[in-house]
Amino acid sequence: MSELRFGLIPACVLPFLIRRIGLSKAHHMTLMTQPISDKQAQAWGLVDACEADSDNLLRKYLLHLGRLSKQSIDRYKTHMNSLSDILTASKPQALATNRAVFFDRGNLQKIARYVETGKLPWE
């Protein structure tokens, strides 16, 4: 979550992250802007599984999911989304926040400088 390093805010992803790992850990990840290990991601509940052979793990999951009815999955997702409206409720605020930071002249200049020169915003 390196957005803050560039003057941006991960406003659109935060509701998903908060729902997945909780407010405190999402806050930590956002402010620290540091990568976390696969073990830490699994311990925090950010990932469901990790194996050395990720292709095999993905294959197993896709095989299993392929046996489920698309209609059942759709109904399940609709039901789950109805249990908590944080994603729907936070969308207007997230979009407004992103508009503000993406059109901030200082942010745009720092990002352009990074693209052109490779010089990071805090340098």
C-alpha atoms as a PDB file:
ATOM      1  CA  MET A   1       0.000   0.000   0.000  1.00  0.00           C
ATOM      2  CA  SER A   2       2.363   2.685  -1.229  1.00  0.00           C
ATOM      3  CA  GLU A   3      -0.248   5.286  -2.231  1.00  0.00           C
ATOM      4  CA  LEU A   4       0.553   7.739   0.584  1.00  0.00           C
ATOM      5  CA  ARG A   5       4.154   7.924  -0.595  1.00  0.00           C
ATOM      6  CA  PHE A   6       2.845   9.541  -3.764  1.00  0.00           C
ATOM      7  CA  GLY A   7       0.318  11.794  -2.014  1.00  0.00           C
ATOM      8  CA  LEU A   8      -2.554   9.490  -2.935  1.00  0.00           C
ATOM      9  CA  ILE A   9      -5.030   7.652  -0.720  1.00  0.00           C
ATOM     10  CA  PRO A  10      -6.163   4.045  -1.256  1.00  0.00           C
ATOM     11  CA  ALA A  11      -9.770   5.239  -0.804  1.00  0.00           C
ATOM     12  CA  CYS A  12     -11.434   2.726  -3.128  1.00  0.00           C
ATOM     13  CA  VAL A  13      -9.607  -0.340  -1.822  1.00  0.00           C
ATOM     14  CA  LEU A  14      -9.876   0.568   1.890  1.00  0.00           C
ATOM     15  CA  PRO A  15     -13.476  -0.623   2.400  1.00  0.00           C
ATOM     16  CA  PHE A  16     -12.545  -4.027   0.931  1.00  0.00           C
ATOM     17  CA  LEU A  17      -9.388  -4.171   3.027  1.00  0.00           C
ATOM     18  CA  ILE A  18     -11.186  -3.122   6.210  1.00  0.00           C
ATOM     19  CA  ARG A  19     -13.855  -5.751   5.621  1.00  0.00           C
ATOM     20  CA  ARG A  20     -11.168  -8.373   5.084  1.00  0.00           C
ATOM     21  CA  ILE A  21      -8.597  -7.637   7.829  1.00  0.00           C
ATOM     22  CA  GLY A  22     -10.146  -4.979  10.075  1.00  0.00           C
ATOM     23  CA  LEU A  23      -9.693  -1.263  10.537  1.00  0.00           C
ATOM     24  CA  SER A  24      -6.540  -1.389  12.658  1.00  0.00           C
ATOM     25  CA  LYS A  25      -4.519  -3.551  10.266  1.00  0.00           C
ATOM     26  CA  ALA A  26      -5.769  -1.654   7.199  1.00  0.00           C
ATOM     27  CA  HIS A  27      -4.773   1.592   8.913  1.00  0.00           C
ATOM     28  CA  HIS A  28      -1.330   0.168   9.701  1.00  0.00           C
ATOM     29  CA  MET A  29      -0.770  -1.029   6.130  1.00  0.00           C
ATOM     30  CA  THR A  30      -1.848   2.335   4.721  1.00  0.00           C
ATOM     31  CA  LEU A  31       0.353   4.450   6.979  1.00  0.00           C
ATOM     32  CA  MET A  32       3.433   2.216   6.979  1.00  0.00           C
ATOM     33  CA  THR A  33       3.472   1.840   3.171  1.00  0.00           C
ATOM     34  CA  GLN A  34       5.659  -1.247   3.561  1.00  0.00           C
ATOM     35  CA  PRO A  35       5.186  -4.662   1.990  1.00  0.00           C
ATOM     36  CA  ILE A  36       4.218  -7.518   4.278  1.00  0.00           C
ATOM     37  CA  SER A  37       5.405 -11.112   4.028  1.00  0.00           C
ATOM     38  CA  ASP A  38       3.235 -13.952   2.774  1.00  0.00           C
ATOM     39  CA  LYS A  39       3.195 -15.387   6.293  1.00  0.00           C
ATOM     40  CA  GLN A  40       2.008 -12.093   7.778  1.00  0.00           C
ATOM     41  CA  ALA A  41      -0.611 -11.704   5.037  1.00  0.00           C
ATOM     42  CA  GLN A  42      -1.940 -15.164   5.843  1.00  0.00           C
ATOM     43  CA  ALA A  43      -1.883 -14.553   9.609  1.00  0.00           C
ATOM     44  CA  TRP A  44      -3.837 -11.305   9.139  1.00  0.00           C
ATOM     45  CA  GLY A  45      -6.401 -13.033   6.919  1.00  0.00           C
ATOM     46  CA  LEU A  46      -5.381 -11.081   3.838  1.00  0.00           C
ATOM     47  CA  VAL A  47      -4.852 -14.300   1.903  1.00  0.00           C
ATOM     48  CA  ASP A  48      -6.653 -17.600   2.360  1.00  0.00           C
ATOM     49  CA  ALA A  49      -3.790 -19.878   1.415  1.00  0.00           C
ATOM     50  CA  CYS A  50      -0.246 -19.814   0.153  1.00  0.00           C
ATOM     51  CA  GLU A  51       1.955 -22.617  -1.080  1.00  0.00           C
ATOM     52  CA  ALA A  52       5.327 -22.841  -2.771  1.00  0.00           C
ATOM     53  CA  ASP A  53       3.558 -24.134  -5.892  1.00  0.00           C
ATOM     54  CA  SER A  54       1.022 -21.339  -6.371  1.00  0.00           C
ATOM     55  CA  ASP A  55       0.062 -22.581  -9.843  1.00  0.00           C
ATOM     56  CA  ASN A  56      -1.048 -25.902  -8.361  1.00  0.00           C
ATOM     57  CA  LEU A  57      -2.968 -24.154  -5.583  1.00  0.00           C
ATOM     58  CA  LEU A  58      -4.734 -21.949  -8.118  1.00  0.00           C
ATOM     59  CA  ARG A  59      -5.545 -24.983 -10.279  1.00  0.00           C
ATOM     60  CA  LYS A  60      -7.137 -26.766  -7.301  1.00  0.00           C
ATOM     61  CA  TYR A  61      -9.233 -23.717  -6.420  1.00  0.00           C
ATOM     62  CA  LEU A  62     -10.375 -23.209 -10.000  1.00  0.00           C
ATOM     63  CA  LEU A  63     -11.320 -26.880 -10.325  1.00  0.00           C
ATOM     64  CA  HIS A  64     -13.407 -26.639  -7.174  1.00  0.00           C
ATOM     65  CA  LEU A  65     -15.051 -23.344  -8.134  1.00  0.00           C
ATOM     66  CA  GLY A  66     -15.767 -24.678 -11.622  1.00  0.00           C
ATOM     67  CA  ARG A  67     -18.048 -27.292 -10.071  1.00  0.00           C
ATOM     68  CA  LEU A  68     -20.275 -24.657  -8.488  1.00  0.00           C
ATOM     69  CA  SER A  69     -23.299 -23.218 -10.244  1.00  0.00           C
ATOM     70  CA  LYS A  70     -22.769 -19.659 -11.506  1.00  0.00           C
ATOM     71  CA  GLN A  71     -26.298 -18.813 -10.398  1.00  0.00           C
ATOM     72  CA  SER A  72     -25.586 -20.064  -6.871  1.00  0.00           C
ATOM     73  CA  ILE A  73     -22.377 -18.035  -6.686  1.00  0.00           C
ATOM     74  CA  ASP A  74     -24.216 -14.934  -7.924  1.00  0.00           C
ATOM     75  CA  ARG A  75     -26.986 -15.379  -5.342  1.00  0.00           C
ATOM     76  CA  TYR A  76     -24.426 -15.963  -2.599  1.00  0.00           C
ATOM     77  CA  LYS A  77     -22.454 -12.815  -3.505  1.00  0.00           C
ATOM     78  CA  THR A  78     -25.636 -10.740  -3.650  1.00  0.00           C
ATOM     79  CA  HIS A  79     -26.641 -12.034  -0.226  1.00  0.00           C
ATOM     80  CA  MET A  80     -23.199 -11.400   1.286  1.00  0.00           C
ATOM     81  CA  ASN A  81     -23.114  -7.861  -0.085  1.00  0.00           C
ATOM     82  CA  SER A  82     -26.533  -7.184   1.452  1.00  0.00           C
ATOM     83  CA  LEU A  83     -25.281  -8.117   4.934  1.00  0.00           C
ATOM     84  CA  SER A  84     -22.986  -5.098   5.098  1.00  0.00           C
ATOM     85  CA  ASP A  85     -23.407  -1.977   3.039  1.00  0.00           C
ATOM     86  CA  ILE A  86     -19.935  -0.553   3.776  1.00  0.00           C
ATOM     87  CA  LEU A  87     -18.913  -0.953   0.128  1.00  0.00           C
ATOM     88  CA  THR A  88     -21.994   0.775  -1.263  1.00  0.00           C
ATOM     89  CA  ALA A  89     -22.061   3.427   1.436  1.00  0.00           C
ATOM     90  CA  SER A  90     -18.370   4.294   1.091  1.00  0.00           C
ATOM     91  CA  LYS A  91     -18.266   4.526  -2.718  1.00  0.00           C
ATOM     92  CA  PRO A  92     -19.270   8.220  -3.101  1.00  0.00           C
ATOM     93  CA  GLN A  93     -16.793   9.293  -0.410  1.00  0.00           C
ATOM     94  CA  ALA A  94     -13.999   7.165  -1.904  1.00  0.00           C
ATOM     95  CA  LEU A  95     -14.577   8.578  -5.377  1.00  0.00           C
ATOM     96  CA  ALA A  96     -14.642  12.152  -4.078  1.00  0.00           C
ATOM     97  CA  THR A  97     -11.418  11.559  -2.144  1.00  0.00           C
ATOM     98  CA  ASN A  98      -9.717  10.051  -5.190  1.00  0.00           C
ATOM     99  CA  ARG A  99     -10.834  12.925  -7.401  1.00  0.00           C
ATOM    100  CA  ALA A 100      -9.323  15.383  -4.922  1.00  0.00           C
ATOM    101  CA  VAL A 101      -5.935  13.665  -4.676  1.00  0.00           C
ATOM    102  CA  PHE A 102      -5.703  12.718  -8.360  1.00  0.00           C
ATOM    103  CA  PHE A 103      -6.323  16.311  -9.434  1.00  0.00           C
ATOM    104  CA  ASP A 104      -4.074  17.875  -6.807  1.00  0.00           C
ATOM    105  CA  ARG A 105      -1.482  19.844  -8.772  1.00  0.00           C
ATOM    106  CA  GLY A 106       1.346  18.979  -6.356  1.00  0.00           C
ATOM    107  CA  ASN A 107       0.604  15.251  -6.541  1.00  0.00           C
ATOM    108  CA  LEU A 108       0.452  15.334 -10.327  1.00  0.00           C
ATOM    109  CA  GLN A 109       3.794  17.134 -10.513  1.00  0.00           C
ATOM    110  CA  LYS A 110       5.451  14.621  -8.183  1.00  0.00           C
ATOM    111  CA  ILE A 111       4.062  11.668 -10.117  1.00  0.00           C
ATOM    112  CA  ALA A 112       5.108  13.192 -13.452  1.00  0.00           C
ATOM    113  CA  ARG A 113       8.606  13.827 -12.081  1.00  0.00           C
ATOM    114  CA  TYR A 114       8.801  10.215 -10.923  1.00  0.00           C
ATOM    115  CA  VAL A 115       7.700   8.929 -14.340  1.00  0.00           C
ATOM    116  CA  GLU A 116      10.152  11.189 -16.160  1.00  0.00           C
ATOM    117  CA  THR A 117      13.173  10.948 -13.876  1.00  0.00           C
ATOM    118  CA  GLY A 118      12.600   8.042 -11.484  1.00  0.00           C
ATOM    119  CA  LYS A 119      13.019  10.452  -8.573  1.00  0.00           C
ATOM    120  CA  LEU A 120      10.637   9.503  -5.758  1.00  0.00           C
ATOM    121  CA  PRO A 121       8.273  12.171  -4.356  1.00  0.00           C
ATOM    122  CA  TRP A 122      10.034  12.403  -0.988  1.00  0.00           C
ATOM    123  CA  GLU A 123      13.472  12.865  -2.535  1.00  0.00           C
END
